């Protein structure tokens, strides 16, 4: 089913995305924890991700790049700030330069992911927190909402493959 609701709260400086999956909380948690599974869905389908580093511990860092249709690369990084397996994950999410170093021209966002059992499935709520209204509008103008929606739309297929 993937994304069932998306809403922007300009006053709270957040973008929230709610997705539901026909799989257990533990199974959905694995798509965040395992870098090989993560790179099968993180990023829109036309921009697949490659994780060069994924330290899934508090204080750990992840480094990845997404490859566009013309071979161009867009780099990013995460810093894990809280992990409560298998229900809650928090991380800072930023852009990186060609060497994988964080860029300073755009502030990182902070993401909070929560997983909860709903019937026989899982509801995943992802809240992206921005530092100011300009950053929120800039990220939306760059296609963040649609990109996240497309990325999360790939999780269902990954879960079906693993179950089959």
Protein backbone atom coordinates (compact mmCIF):
# COMPACT_ATOMS: atom_id res chain seq x y z
CA UNK A 1 0.00 0.00 0.00
CA UNK A 2 2.92 2.28 0.78
CA UNK A 3 2.22 6.00 1.30
CA UNK A 4 -1.30 6.66 2.60
CA UNK A 5 -0.94 10.26 3.80
CA UNK A 6 1.42 13.21 3.49
CA UNK A 7 1.16 16.56 5.16
CA UNK A 8 3.25 19.66 5.57
CA UNK A 9 3.03 21.71 8.77
CA UNK A 10 4.57 25.10 8.03
CA UNK A 11 4.20 26.24 11.65
CA UNK A 12 5.97 23.18 13.05
CA UNK A 13 8.43 23.09 10.10
CA UNK A 14 7.72 19.44 9.38
CA UNK A 15 6.85 17.17 6.48
CA UNK A 16 5.15 13.97 7.59
CA UNK A 17 4.70 10.89 5.45
CA UNK A 18 2.62 7.92 6.59
CA UNK A 19 2.98 4.57 4.83
CA UNK A 20 1.45 1.20 5.55
CA UNK A 21 2.84 -2.20 4.69
CA UNK A 22 1.52 -5.75 4.79
CA UNK A 23 4.42 -7.02 6.88
CA UNK A 24 5.44 -7.17 10.53
CA UNK A 25 7.14 -4.28 12.30
CA UNK A 26 10.30 -6.38 12.58
CA UNK A 27 10.32 -7.05 8.84
CA UNK A 28 9.80 -3.37 7.93
CA UNK A 29 12.57 -2.42 10.36
CA UNK A 30 14.98 -4.54 8.29
CA UNK A 31 14.55 -2.27 5.25
CA UNK A 32 16.17 0.50 7.32
CA UNK A 33 18.72 -1.64 9.11
CA UNK A 34 20.17 -3.62 6.20
CA UNK A 35 22.07 -1.42 3.71
CA UNK A 36 21.52 -3.87 0.83
CA UNK A 37 17.75 -3.62 1.36
CA UNK A 38 17.90 0.11 2.05
CA UNK A 39 19.55 0.83 -1.27
CA UNK A 40 16.78 -1.01 -3.09
CA UNK A 41 14.25 1.61 -2.05
CA UNK A 42 15.98 4.79 -0.81
CA UNK A 43 15.68 7.31 -3.63
CA UNK A 44 13.17 7.50 -6.46
CA UNK A 45 13.24 4.60 -8.98
CA UNK A 46 15.12 6.72 -11.55
CA UNK A 47 17.72 7.61 -8.88
CA UNK A 48 18.75 4.34 -7.17
CA UNK A 49 20.92 4.62 -4.07
CA UNK A 50 24.22 2.97 -3.27
CA UNK A 51 25.24 2.95 0.40
CA UNK A 52 29.01 3.04 0.78
CA UNK A 53 28.74 3.14 4.57
CA UNK A 54 25.87 2.36 6.94
CA UNK A 55 26.72 2.28 10.63
CA UNK A 56 23.35 1.47 12.17
CA UNK A 57 24.23 2.44 15.73
CA UNK A 58 23.65 5.66 17.67
CA UNK A 59 26.36 8.07 16.55
CA UNK A 60 26.98 5.99 13.41
CA UNK A 61 27.21 7.52 9.96
CA UNK A 62 25.89 6.52 6.61
CA UNK A 63 27.21 7.73 3.28
CA UNK A 64 25.41 7.14 0.03
CA UNK A 65 24.93 8.41 -3.45
CA UNK A 66 22.01 8.25 -5.84
CA UNK A 67 22.70 7.77 -9.53
CA UNK A 68 20.49 9.65 -11.98
CA UNK A 69 19.35 8.53 -15.44
CA UNK A 70 22.28 10.32 -17.12
CA UNK A 71 24.81 8.86 -14.68
CA UNK A 72 24.98 11.96 -12.50
CA UNK A 73 25.47 11.39 -8.78
CA UNK A 74 23.83 13.10 -5.84
CA UNK A 75 25.49 12.37 -2.50
CA UNK A 76 24.06 12.35 1.00
CA UNK A 77 24.85 11.38 4.55
CA UNK A 78 23.03 10.38 7.74
CA UNK A 79 24.10 10.52 11.37
CA UNK A 80 22.10 8.18 13.61
CA UNK A 81 20.90 9.98 16.73
CA UNK A 82 18.49 7.43 18.25
CA UNK A 83 17.67 3.78 17.60
CA UNK A 84 14.99 1.86 19.48
CA UNK A 85 14.69 -1.35 17.46
CA UNK A 86 12.30 -2.15 15.92
CA UNK A 87 10.06 0.84 16.60
CA UNK A 88 11.94 4.13 16.33
CA UNK A 89 14.85 5.56 14.39
CA UNK A 90 16.13 9.15 14.32
CA UNK A 91 18.84 10.58 12.14
CA UNK A 92 20.19 13.79 10.69
CA UNK A 93 20.02 13.79 6.90
CA UNK A 94 22.17 16.04 4.75
CA UNK A 95 23.71 16.57 1.35
CA UNK A 96 27.35 15.78 0.63
CA UNK A 97 29.90 16.97 -1.90
CA UNK A 98 31.63 14.81 -4.53
CA UNK A 99 34.04 13.53 -1.87
CA UNK A 100 31.18 12.52 0.44
CA UNK A 101 31.81 15.37 2.87
CA UNK A 102 28.77 17.21 4.28
CA UNK A 103 27.94 20.44 2.46
CA UNK A 104 27.43 23.49 4.63
CA UNK A 105 25.24 25.51 2.27
CA UNK A 106 22.12 23.51 3.12
CA UNK A 107 21.32 22.61 6.73
CA UNK A 108 20.61 18.93 7.39
CA UNK A 109 17.07 17.88 8.24
CA UNK A 110 16.23 15.65 11.17
CA UNK A 111 14.14 12.54 10.48
CA UNK A 112 12.11 10.57 13.01
CA UNK A 113 10.79 7.21 11.80
CA UNK A 114 8.30 5.28 13.91
CA UNK A 115 6.90 1.85 13.19
CA UNK A 116 3.73 0.53 14.79
CA UNK A 117 1.70 -2.63 14.33
CA UNK A 118 -1.68 -2.01 12.70
CA UNK A 119 -3.72 -5.18 12.30
CA UNK A 120 -1.42 -7.68 10.62
CA UNK A 121 0.68 -4.94 9.05
CA UNK A 122 2.83 -1.96 9.94
CA UNK A 123 2.31 1.80 9.83
CA UNK A 124 5.52 3.72 9.24
CA UNK A 125 5.44 7.44 10.03
CA UNK A 126 8.37 9.54 8.88
CA UNK A 127 8.62 13.11 10.12
CA UNK A 128 11.24 15.37 8.58
CA UNK A 129 12.06 18.41 10.72
CA UNK A 130 13.44 21.53 9.04
CA UNK A 131 15.43 24.32 10.64
CA UNK A 132 13.38 27.16 9.13
CA UNK A 133 10.58 27.91 6.65
CA UNK A 134 13.03 28.69 3.83
CA UNK A 135 14.64 25.27 4.15
CA UNK A 136 11.24 23.56 4.15
CA UNK A 137 10.18 25.37 0.97
CA UNK A 138 13.58 24.81 -0.65
CA UNK A 139 13.45 21.06 -0.04
CA UNK A 140 9.87 20.84 -1.30
CA UNK A 141 10.86 22.79 -4.43
CA UNK A 142 13.69 20.28 -4.97
CA UNK A 143 11.08 17.48 -5.06
CA UNK A 144 11.62 15.97 -1.60
CA UNK A 145 7.97 15.06 -1.07
CA UNK A 146 7.53 13.31 -4.41
CA UNK A 147 10.96 11.68 -4.11
CA UNK A 148 10.13 10.23 -0.70
CA UNK A 149 6.74 9.08 -1.93
CA UNK A 150 8.34 7.28 -4.90
CA UNK A 151 11.07 5.82 -2.70
CA UNK A 152 8.63 4.42 -0.14
CA UNK A 153 6.51 3.07 -2.99
CA UNK A 154 9.31 0.58 -3.66
CA UNK A 155 9.20 -1.02 -0.20
CA UNK A 156 6.12 -3.15 -0.91
CA UNK A 157 7.90 -5.00 -3.70
CA UNK A 158 10.93 -5.60 -1.51
CA UNK A 159 8.74 -7.01 1.27
CA UNK A 160 6.89 -9.30 -1.18
CA UNK A 161 10.17 -10.62 -2.59
CA UNK A 162 11.46 -11.42 0.88
CA UNK A 163 8.23 -13.19 1.82
CA UNK A 164 8.14 -15.24 -1.38
